[in-house]
Amino acid sequence: MKKLYLFFLPIFILCNSCGIYSFTGASIPEGAKTTSVKYFQNNAPIVQPLLAQTLTEGLQNKLSSQTKLNLVDKNGDLSFEGTIKDYSITPMALQANETAAKNRLTITISVKFVNKIDEKMNYETNFSRFADYDRNKSISQVEEELITEITKTLIDDIFNRAVVNW
């Protein structure tokens, strides 16, 4: 056991001190010091007023808590911008009487990630996530909870695609 400890301790110190890798899974390129997140514009046909702010602030918080990068207003070494493309509710799991047993809230976003240090990591792509809810509940009863759940997953998708290279 002691031999394993002595083996892994120097590796841990090297990885932790160089700032390239963190045990949160983030792999930040050497030389990257800042990150920026431009406010996500809501271009969805149905506009949920707090969604853009929730998504923008959630990504900023994730980057601040999971990396050592300093958050700046614009032109970060790693920068994110995007738009909310869709916010829709659709019936799911039709029953014999042709009524939906569940409804689905889907949020689709478009994200552009620019890595000034390693341009091979740049991407521009769509992410889409959904959550189902019981038809006996109205969207207003579950919307806040569903948005929190979906945006958390979307933020993880954005973060993982940008800085987690598993």
N, C-alpha and C. Protein backbone atom coordinates (compact mmCIF):
# COMPACT_ATOMS: atom_id res chain seq x y z
N MET A 1 0.82 -1.19 0.00
CA MET A 1 0.00 0.00 0.00
C MET A 1 0.86 1.25 0.00
N LYS A 2 1.92 1.22 0.82
CA LYS A 2 2.81 2.37 0.92
C LYS A 2 3.52 2.61 -0.41
N LYS A 3 3.87 1.52 -1.13
CA LYS A 3 4.54 1.65 -2.42
C LYS A 3 3.62 2.34 -3.43
N LEU A 4 2.34 1.98 -3.41
CA LEU A 4 1.39 2.64 -4.30
C LEU A 4 1.28 4.12 -4.00
N TYR A 5 1.23 4.43 -2.72
CA TYR A 5 1.15 5.84 -2.29
C TYR A 5 2.37 6.61 -2.78
N LEU A 6 3.56 6.03 -2.61
CA LEU A 6 4.79 6.70 -3.05
C LEU A 6 4.84 6.82 -4.57
N PHE A 7 4.24 5.89 -5.27
CA PHE A 7 4.21 5.95 -6.72
C PHE A 7 3.27 7.05 -7.23
N PHE A 8 2.07 7.12 -6.65
CA PHE A 8 1.07 8.06 -7.13
C PHE A 8 1.23 9.49 -6.62
N LEU A 9 1.88 9.68 -5.49
CA LEU A 9 2.06 11.01 -4.93
C LEU A 9 2.79 11.95 -5.89
N PRO A 10 3.94 11.57 -6.46
CA PRO A 10 4.60 12.49 -7.40
C PRO A 10 3.75 12.78 -8.64
N ILE A 11 3.02 11.79 -9.11
CA ILE A 11 2.16 12.00 -10.28
C ILE A 11 1.07 13.01 -9.94
N PHE A 12 0.46 12.84 -8.78
CA PHE A 12 -0.57 13.78 -8.33
C PHE A 12 -0.02 15.20 -8.23
N ILE A 13 1.14 15.34 -7.64
CA ILE A 13 1.74 16.67 -7.47
C ILE A 13 2.05 17.29 -8.82
N LEU A 14 2.60 16.52 -9.74
CA LEU A 14 2.92 17.05 -11.07
C LEU A 14 1.66 17.46 -11.83
N CYS A 15 0.66 16.60 -11.81
CA CYS A 15 -0.58 16.91 -12.53
C CYS A 15 -1.30 18.10 -11.93
N ASN A 16 -1.31 18.18 -10.64
CA ASN A 16 -2.02 19.26 -9.97
C ASN A 16 -1.30 20.59 -10.12
N SER A 17 0.03 20.57 -10.10
CA SER A 17 0.78 21.82 -10.12
C SER A 17 0.90 22.42 -11.51
N CYS A 18 0.86 21.61 -12.55
CA CYS A 18 1.07 22.17 -13.88
C CYS A 18 -0.18 22.84 -14.42
N GLY A 19 -1.32 22.58 -13.85
CA GLY A 19 -2.54 23.26 -14.27
C GLY A 19 -3.13 22.73 -15.56
N ILE A 20 -2.57 21.69 -16.12
CA ILE A 20 -3.08 21.17 -17.37
C ILE A 20 -4.25 20.24 -17.14
N TYR A 21 -4.22 19.50 -16.06
CA TYR A 21 -5.27 18.53 -15.80
C TYR A 21 -5.76 18.71 -14.37
N SER A 22 -7.04 18.58 -14.20
CA SER A 22 -7.57 18.62 -12.84
C SER A 22 -8.37 17.36 -12.62
N PHE A 23 -8.60 17.00 -11.37
CA PHE A 23 -9.32 15.76 -11.09
C PHE A 23 -10.82 15.92 -11.26
N THR A 24 -11.27 17.07 -11.74
CA THR A 24 -12.66 17.22 -12.12
C THR A 24 -12.86 16.67 -13.53
N GLY A 25 -11.76 16.34 -14.20
CA GLY A 25 -11.82 15.84 -15.56
C GLY A 25 -11.50 16.89 -16.59
N ALA A 26 -11.33 18.12 -16.18
CA ALA A 26 -11.05 19.19 -17.13
C ALA A 26 -9.60 19.11 -17.59
N SER A 27 -9.40 19.21 -18.88
CA SER A 27 -8.07 19.23 -19.46
C SER A 27 -7.89 20.59 -20.13
N ILE A 28 -7.28 21.50 -19.41
CA ILE A 28 -7.12 22.87 -19.87
C ILE A 28 -5.75 23.00 -20.54
N PRO A 29 -5.69 23.57 -21.74
CA PRO A 29 -4.39 23.70 -22.40
C PRO A 29 -3.46 24.62 -21.62
N GLU A 30 -2.18 24.25 -21.61
CA GLU A 30 -1.18 25.06 -20.93
C GLU A 30 -1.17 26.45 -21.56
N GLY A 31 -1.17 27.45 -20.74
CA GLY A 31 -1.17 28.83 -21.23
C GLY A 31 -2.54 29.48 -21.19
N ALA A 32 -3.59 28.69 -21.06
CA ALA A 32 -4.93 29.25 -20.97
C ALA A 32 -5.13 29.82 -19.56
N LYS A 33 -5.52 31.07 -19.49
CA LYS A 33 -5.69 31.74 -18.20
C LYS A 33 -7.12 32.25 -18.00
N THR A 34 -7.84 32.50 -19.09
CA THR A 34 -9.16 33.13 -18.98
C THR A 34 -10.21 32.37 -19.78
N THR A 35 -11.45 32.62 -19.40
CA THR A 35 -12.58 32.08 -20.14
C THR A 35 -13.67 33.15 -20.18
N SER A 36 -14.47 33.12 -21.23
CA SER A 36 -15.58 34.06 -21.34
C SER A 36 -16.81 33.33 -21.87
N VAL A 37 -17.97 33.79 -21.40
CA VAL A 37 -19.24 33.21 -21.84
C VAL A 37 -20.12 34.38 -22.27
N LYS A 38 -20.37 34.46 -23.56
CA LYS A 38 -21.27 35.49 -24.07
C LYS A 38 -22.71 35.08 -23.74
N TYR A 39 -23.54 36.06 -23.44
CA TYR A 39 -24.93 35.81 -23.08
C TYR A 39 -25.64 35.03 -24.18
N PHE A 40 -26.27 33.92 -23.82
CA PHE A 40 -27.01 33.10 -24.78
C PHE A 40 -28.28 33.84 -25.20
N GLN A 41 -28.42 34.07 -26.49
CA GLN A 41 -29.62 34.71 -27.02
C GLN A 41 -30.71 33.66 -27.18
N ASN A 42 -31.95 34.07 -26.89
CA ASN A 42 -33.07 33.14 -27.01
C ASN A 42 -33.80 33.39 -28.32
N ASN A 43 -33.57 32.51 -29.29
CA ASN A 43 -34.21 32.60 -30.61
C ASN A 43 -35.25 31.50 -30.82
N ALA A 44 -35.68 30.88 -29.74
CA ALA A 44 -36.67 29.81 -29.84
C ALA A 44 -38.04 30.39 -30.18
N PRO A 45 -38.88 29.62 -30.88
CA PRO A 45 -40.24 30.09 -31.17
C PRO A 45 -41.04 30.39 -29.90
N ILE A 46 -40.83 29.59 -28.86
CA ILE A 46 -41.45 29.85 -27.55
C ILE A 46 -40.32 30.36 -26.66
N VAL A 47 -40.43 31.58 -26.17
CA VAL A 47 -39.38 32.16 -25.34
C VAL A 47 -39.75 32.02 -23.87
N GLN A 48 -38.94 31.28 -23.15
CA GLN A 48 -39.08 31.18 -21.71
C GLN A 48 -38.15 32.25 -21.14
N PRO A 49 -38.68 33.26 -20.45
CA PRO A 49 -37.92 34.46 -20.09
C PRO A 49 -36.61 34.23 -19.32
N LEU A 50 -36.54 33.26 -18.44
CA LEU A 50 -35.35 33.09 -17.62
C LEU A 50 -34.35 32.07 -18.17
N LEU A 51 -34.68 31.41 -19.26
CA LEU A 51 -33.84 30.33 -19.77
C LEU A 51 -32.45 30.82 -20.19
N ALA A 52 -32.37 31.90 -20.92
CA ALA A 52 -31.07 32.39 -21.40
C ALA A 52 -30.16 32.75 -20.23
N GLN A 53 -30.71 33.42 -19.25
CA GLN A 53 -29.93 33.79 -18.08
C GLN A 53 -29.49 32.55 -17.29
N THR A 54 -30.40 31.60 -17.12
CA THR A 54 -30.10 30.37 -16.39
C THR A 54 -28.96 29.62 -17.07
N LEU A 55 -29.02 29.51 -18.39
CA LEU A 55 -28.01 28.79 -19.15
C LEU A 55 -26.66 29.52 -19.10
N THR A 56 -26.66 30.82 -19.33
CA THR A 56 -25.42 31.60 -19.32
C THR A 56 -24.74 31.56 -17.96
N GLU A 57 -25.49 31.85 -16.92
CA GLU A 57 -24.91 31.86 -15.57
C GLU A 57 -24.50 30.46 -15.12
N GLY A 58 -25.25 29.46 -15.52
CA GLY A 58 -24.89 28.08 -15.17
C GLY A 58 -23.56 27.67 -15.78
N LEU A 59 -23.33 28.03 -17.04
CA LEU A 59 -22.06 27.71 -17.70
C LEU A 59 -20.92 28.50 -17.05
N GLN A 60 -21.15 29.77 -16.74
CA GLN A 60 -20.13 30.57 -16.06
C GLN A 60 -19.77 29.94 -14.72
N ASN A 61 -20.77 29.52 -13.95
CA ASN A 61 -20.53 28.90 -12.65
C ASN A 61 -19.76 27.58 -12.78
N LYS A 62 -20.11 26.80 -13.78
CA LYS A 62 -19.43 25.52 -14.01
C LYS A 62 -17.96 25.75 -14.31
N LEU A 63 -17.67 26.71 -15.18
CA LEU A 63 -16.29 27.01 -15.54
C LEU A 63 -15.51 27.55 -14.35
N SER A 64 -16.15 28.39 -13.55
CA SER A 64 -15.48 28.96 -12.37
C SER A 64 -15.20 27.91 -11.32
N SER A 65 -16.13 26.99 -11.13
CA SER A 65 -15.97 25.99 -10.07
C SER A 65 -15.14 24.78 -10.48
N GLN A 66 -15.09 24.48 -11.77
CA GLN A 66 -14.43 23.26 -12.23
C GLN A 66 -13.06 23.50 -12.87
N THR A 67 -12.68 24.77 -13.06
CA THR A 67 -11.38 25.07 -13.65
C THR A 67 -10.73 26.19 -12.85
N LYS A 68 -9.47 26.44 -13.14
CA LYS A 68 -8.74 27.54 -12.50
C LYS A 68 -8.73 28.78 -13.40
N LEU A 69 -9.52 28.77 -14.44
CA LEU A 69 -9.56 29.90 -15.38
C LEU A 69 -10.29 31.08 -14.75
N ASN A 70 -9.82 32.28 -15.07
CA ASN A 70 -10.49 33.51 -14.63
C ASN A 70 -11.58 33.86 -15.62
N LEU A 71 -12.74 34.17 -15.12
CA LEU A 71 -13.87 34.55 -15.96
C LEU A 71 -13.74 36.01 -16.34
N VAL A 72 -13.74 36.29 -17.65
CA VAL A 72 -13.67 37.67 -18.16
C VAL A 72 -14.89 37.93 -19.01
N ASP A 73 -15.19 39.21 -19.24
CA ASP A 73 -16.39 39.57 -20.00
C ASP A 73 -16.35 39.12 -21.45
N LYS A 74 -15.19 39.24 -22.10
CA LYS A 74 -15.09 38.83 -23.51
C LYS A 74 -13.65 38.48 -23.86
N ASN A 75 -13.51 37.79 -24.98
CA ASN A 75 -12.20 37.41 -25.54
C ASN A 75 -11.35 36.56 -24.61
N GLY A 76 -11.98 35.61 -23.91
CA GLY A 76 -11.21 34.69 -23.08
C GLY A 76 -10.38 33.74 -23.93
N ASP A 77 -9.38 33.14 -23.32
CA ASP A 77 -8.59 32.14 -24.03
C ASP A 77 -9.48 30.99 -24.49
N LEU A 78 -10.46 30.67 -23.66
CA LEU A 78 -11.51 29.73 -24.03
C LEU A 78 -12.81 30.52 -23.99
N SER A 79 -13.51 30.60 -25.11
CA SER A 79 -14.73 31.42 -25.12
C SER A 79 -15.92 30.62 -25.66
N PHE A 80 -17.07 30.94 -25.11
CA PHE A 80 -18.32 30.27 -25.45
C PHE A 80 -19.35 31.30 -25.84
N GLU A 81 -20.12 30.99 -26.86
CA GLU A 81 -21.30 31.79 -27.20
C GLU A 81 -22.32 30.85 -27.81
N GLY A 82 -23.57 31.27 -27.76
CA GLY A 82 -24.59 30.39 -28.31
C GLY A 82 -25.96 31.01 -28.33
N THR A 83 -26.88 30.25 -28.88
CA THR A 83 -28.28 30.66 -28.95
C THR A 83 -29.16 29.50 -28.55
N ILE A 84 -30.30 29.85 -28.00
CA ILE A 84 -31.33 28.86 -27.72
C ILE A 84 -32.17 28.77 -28.99
N LYS A 85 -32.18 27.61 -29.61
CA LYS A 85 -32.85 27.44 -30.90
C LYS A 85 -34.27 26.94 -30.77
N ASP A 86 -34.51 26.12 -29.72
CA ASP A 86 -35.84 25.54 -29.60
C ASP A 86 -36.18 25.28 -28.14
N TYR A 87 -37.43 25.50 -27.85
CA TYR A 87 -38.02 25.23 -26.53
C TYR A 87 -39.41 24.72 -26.86
N SER A 88 -39.59 23.41 -26.77
CA SER A 88 -40.87 22.85 -27.22
C SER A 88 -41.41 21.80 -26.27
N ILE A 89 -42.72 21.69 -26.30
CA ILE A 89 -43.43 20.70 -25.50
C ILE A 89 -44.20 19.81 -26.47
N THR A 90 -43.98 18.50 -26.36
CA THR A 90 -44.64 17.56 -27.26
C THR A 90 -45.25 16.42 -26.45
N PRO A 91 -46.38 15.89 -26.91
CA PRO A 91 -46.99 14.74 -26.23
C PRO A 91 -46.16 13.48 -26.50
N MET A 92 -46.07 12.63 -25.47
CA MET A 92 -45.30 11.38 -25.59
C MET A 92 -46.15 10.24 -25.05
N ALA A 93 -45.78 9.03 -25.38
CA ALA A 93 -46.40 7.81 -24.85
C ALA A 93 -47.92 7.85 -24.98
N LEU A 94 -48.39 7.87 -26.23
CA LEU A 94 -49.83 7.89 -26.47
C LEU A 94 -50.49 6.62 -25.93
N GLN A 95 -51.65 6.79 -25.32
CA GLN A 95 -52.41 5.68 -24.77
C GLN A 95 -53.47 5.25 -25.79
N ALA A 96 -54.20 4.20 -25.46
CA ALA A 96 -55.21 3.65 -26.36
C ALA A 96 -56.27 4.68 -26.74
N ASN A 97 -56.62 5.58 -25.85
CA ASN A 97 -57.63 6.59 -26.16
C ASN A 97 -57.02 7.82 -26.84
N GLU A 98 -55.78 7.67 -27.35
CA GLU A 98 -55.06 8.70 -28.11
C GLU A 98 -54.78 9.97 -27.30
N THR A 99 -54.64 9.82 -26.01
CA THR A 99 -54.18 10.93 -25.18
C THR A 99 -52.77 10.60 -24.70
N ALA A 100 -52.01 11.62 -24.46
CA ALA A 100 -50.63 11.42 -24.04
C ALA A 100 -50.57 11.10 -22.55
N ALA A 101 -49.78 10.07 -22.21
CA ALA A 101 -49.56 9.75 -20.81
C ALA A 101 -48.50 10.68 -20.22
N LYS A 102 -47.63 11.15 -21.09
CA LYS A 102 -46.56 12.05 -20.67
C LYS A 102 -46.37 13.13 -21.73
N ASN A 103 -45.80 14.24 -21.29
CA ASN A 103 -45.39 15.30 -22.19
C ASN A 103 -43.89 15.44 -22.07
N ARG A 104 -43.26 16.00 -23.11
CA ARG A 104 -41.80 16.15 -23.12
C ARG A 104 -41.44 17.60 -23.39
N LEU A 105 -40.60 18.15 -22.52
CA LEU A 105 -40.02 19.47 -22.74
C LEU A 105 -38.63 19.26 -23.33
N THR A 106 -38.38 19.84 -24.49
CA THR A 106 -37.10 19.72 -25.17
C THR A 106 -36.49 21.10 -25.34
N ILE A 107 -35.22 21.21 -25.04
CA ILE A 107 -34.47 22.46 -25.24
C ILE A 107 -33.29 22.14 -26.15
N THR A 108 -33.16 22.92 -27.22
CA THR A 108 -32.06 22.76 -28.17
C THR A 108 -31.28 24.06 -28.23
N ILE A 109 -29.95 23.94 -28.12
CA ILE A 109 -29.09 25.12 -28.19
C ILE A 109 -28.00 24.91 -29.22
N SER A 110 -27.52 26.01 -29.74
CA SER A 110 -26.37 26.00 -30.64
C SER A 110 -25.23 26.67 -29.90
N VAL A 111 -24.05 26.04 -29.91
CA VAL A 111 -22.91 26.56 -29.16
C VAL A 111 -21.69 26.66 -30.06
N LYS A 112 -20.99 27.77 -29.91
CA LYS A 112 -19.70 27.96 -30.58
C LYS A 112 -18.65 28.09 -29.49
N PHE A 113 -17.66 27.21 -29.54
CA PHE A 113 -16.55 27.22 -28.59
C PHE A 113 -15.27 27.54 -29.34
N VAL A 114 -14.53 28.54 -28.83
CA VAL A 114 -13.26 28.92 -29.43
C VAL A 114 -12.16 28.77 -28.39
N ASN A 115 -11.16 28.00 -28.75
CA ASN A 115 -9.99 27.77 -27.91
C ASN A 115 -8.81 28.45 -28.60
N LYS A 116 -8.40 29.61 -28.09
CA LYS A 116 -7.32 30.37 -28.71
C LYS A 116 -5.96 29.68 -28.59
N ILE A 117 -5.82 28.80 -27.63
CA ILE A 117 -4.56 28.12 -27.40
C ILE A 117 -4.40 26.91 -28.32
N ASP A 118 -5.47 26.15 -28.48
CA ASP A 118 -5.45 24.94 -29.30
C ASP A 118 -6.68 24.94 -30.21
N GLU A 119 -6.53 25.51 -31.39
CA GLU A 119 -7.66 25.70 -32.30
C GLU A 119 -8.27 24.40 -32.81
N LYS A 120 -7.56 23.29 -32.67
CA LYS A 120 -8.13 21.99 -33.06
C LYS A 120 -9.31 21.62 -32.17
N MET A 121 -9.39 22.23 -31.01
CA MET A 121 -10.46 21.93 -30.06
C MET A 121 -11.73 22.76 -30.31
N ASN A 122 -11.66 23.75 -31.19
CA ASN A 122 -12.83 24.58 -31.49
C ASN A 122 -13.98 23.72 -31.99
N TYR A 123 -15.18 24.15 -31.67
CA TYR A 123 -16.35 23.47 -32.22
C TYR A 123 -17.54 24.42 -32.31
N GLU A 124 -18.43 24.05 -33.19
CA GLU A 124 -19.72 24.72 -33.32
C GLU A 124 -20.74 23.62 -33.56
N THR A 125 -21.65 23.43 -32.60
CA THR A 125 -22.57 22.31 -32.69
C THR A 125 -23.85 22.59 -31.93
N ASN A 126 -24.83 21.73 -32.15
CA ASN A 126 -26.09 21.80 -31.42
C ASN A 126 -26.10 20.76 -30.31
N PHE A 127 -26.73 21.11 -29.22
CA PHE A 127 -26.98 20.19 -28.13
C PHE A 127 -28.48 20.22 -27.87
N SER A 128 -29.05 19.06 -27.61
CA SER A 128 -30.48 18.98 -27.33
C SER A 128 -30.70 18.00 -26.20
N ARG A 129 -31.51 18.41 -25.25
CA ARG A 129 -31.85 17.55 -24.11
C ARG A 129 -33.33 17.72 -23.81
N PHE A 130 -33.89 16.71 -23.15
CA PHE A 130 -35.32 16.75 -22.83
C PHE A 130 -35.58 16.14 -21.47
N ALA A 131 -36.77 16.39 -20.97
CA ALA A 131 -37.27 15.76 -19.75
C ALA A 131 -38.76 15.55 -19.92
N ASP A 132 -39.23 14.42 -19.45
CA ASP A 132 -40.65 14.09 -19.54
C ASP A 132 -41.36 14.41 -18.23
N TYR A 133 -42.64 14.71 -18.35
CA TYR A 133 -43.46 14.96 -17.16
C TYR A 133 -44.86 14.43 -17.38
N ASP A 134 -45.55 14.13 -16.29
CA ASP A 134 -46.87 13.54 -16.32
C ASP A 134 -47.88 14.49 -16.95
N ARG A 135 -48.77 13.97 -17.76
CA ARG A 135 -49.77 14.79 -18.46
C ARG A 135 -50.77 15.43 -17.50
N ASN A 136 -50.88 14.89 -16.31
CA ASN A 136 -51.81 15.45 -15.33
C ASN A 136 -51.29 16.73 -14.69
N LYS A 137 -50.05 17.09 -15.02
CA LYS A 137 -49.47 18.34 -14.51
C LYS A 137 -49.33 19.32 -15.66
N SER A 138 -49.54 20.58 -15.36
CA SER A 138 -49.34 21.60 -16.38
C SER A 138 -47.86 21.97 -16.43
N ILE A 139 -47.44 22.54 -17.54
CA ILE A 139 -46.04 22.94 -17.68
C ILE A 139 -45.66 23.95 -16.60
N SER A 140 -46.58 24.81 -16.22
CA SER A 140 -46.26 25.81 -15.20
C SER A 140 -45.96 25.17 -13.84
N GLN A 141 -46.50 23.98 -13.60
CA GLN A 141 -46.24 23.27 -12.34
C GLN A 141 -44.84 22.65 -12.30
N VAL A 142 -44.31 22.29 -13.45
CA VAL A 142 -43.04 21.55 -13.49
C VAL A 142 -41.92 22.28 -14.24
N GLU A 143 -42.23 23.40 -14.84
CA GLU A 143 -41.28 24.07 -15.73
C GLU A 143 -39.96 24.41 -15.06
N GLU A 144 -40.00 25.02 -13.90
CA GLU A 144 -38.76 25.43 -13.24
C GLU A 144 -37.85 24.23 -12.95
N GLU A 145 -38.45 23.17 -12.43
CA GLU A 145 -37.69 21.95 -12.13
C GLU A 145 -37.11 21.32 -13.40
N LEU A 146 -37.91 21.26 -14.47
CA LEU A 146 -37.44 20.67 -15.72
C LEU A 146 -36.33 21.51 -16.35
N ILE A 147 -36.47 22.83 -16.31
CA ILE A 147 -35.44 23.70 -16.87
C ILE A 147 -34.13 23.51 -16.11
N THR A 148 -34.21 23.42 -14.80
CA THR A 148 -33.00 23.20 -13.99
C THR A 148 -32.33 21.89 -14.39
N GLU A 149 -33.12 20.84 -14.51
CA GLU A 149 -32.60 19.51 -14.88
C GLU A 149 -31.99 19.53 -16.28
N ILE A 150 -32.69 20.08 -17.24
CA ILE A 150 -32.22 20.08 -18.63
C ILE A 150 -30.99 20.97 -18.79
N THR A 151 -31.01 22.18 -18.22
CA THR A 151 -29.86 23.08 -18.40
C THR A 151 -28.61 22.52 -17.72
N LYS A 152 -28.78 21.83 -16.60
CA LYS A 152 -27.61 21.21 -15.96
C LYS A 152 -26.96 20.21 -16.91
N THR A 153 -27.77 19.40 -17.56
CA THR A 153 -27.25 18.41 -18.50
C THR A 153 -26.64 19.08 -19.73
N LEU A 154 -27.29 20.12 -20.24
CA LEU A 154 -26.74 20.85 -21.39
C LEU A 154 -25.39 21.48 -21.04
N ILE A 155 -25.30 22.07 -19.86
CA ILE A 155 -24.04 22.69 -19.42
C ILE A 155 -22.95 21.63 -19.30
N ASP A 156 -23.28 20.47 -18.76
CA ASP A 156 -22.31 19.38 -18.69
C ASP A 156 -21.86 18.97 -20.09
N ASP A 157 -22.79 18.91 -21.05
CA ASP A 157 -22.46 18.56 -22.43
C ASP A 157 -21.48 19.58 -23.03
N ILE A 158 -21.78 20.87 -22.85
CA ILE A 158 -20.93 21.94 -23.39
C ILE A 158 -19.53 21.85 -22.77
N PHE A 159 -19.49 21.75 -21.46
CA PHE A 159 -18.23 21.69 -20.71
C PHE A 159 -17.40 20.47 -21.14
N ASN A 160 -18.05 19.31 -21.15
CA ASN A 160 -17.34 18.08 -21.49
C ASN A 160 -16.79 18.12 -22.91
N ARG A 161 -17.56 18.63 -23.84
CA ARG A 161 -17.10 18.70 -25.23
C ARG A 161 -15.91 19.67 -25.34
N ALA A 162 -15.89 20.70 -24.54
CA ALA A 162 -14.83 21.71 -24.64
C ALA A 162 -13.54 21.32 -23.91
N VAL A 163 -13.66 20.79 -22.70
CA VAL A 163 -12.45 20.64 -21.89
C VAL A 163 -12.26 19.26 -21.25
N VAL A 164 -13.13 18.30 -21.52
CA VAL A 164 -12.92 16.97 -20.98
C VAL A 164 -12.63 16.05 -22.14
N ASN A 165 -11.44 15.54 -22.15
CA ASN A 165 -10.99 14.72 -23.29
C ASN A 165 -10.79 13.27 -22.88
N TRP A 166 -11.87 12.64 -22.47
CA TRP A 166 -11.77 11.25 -22.03
C TRP A 166 -11.72 10.32 -23.22
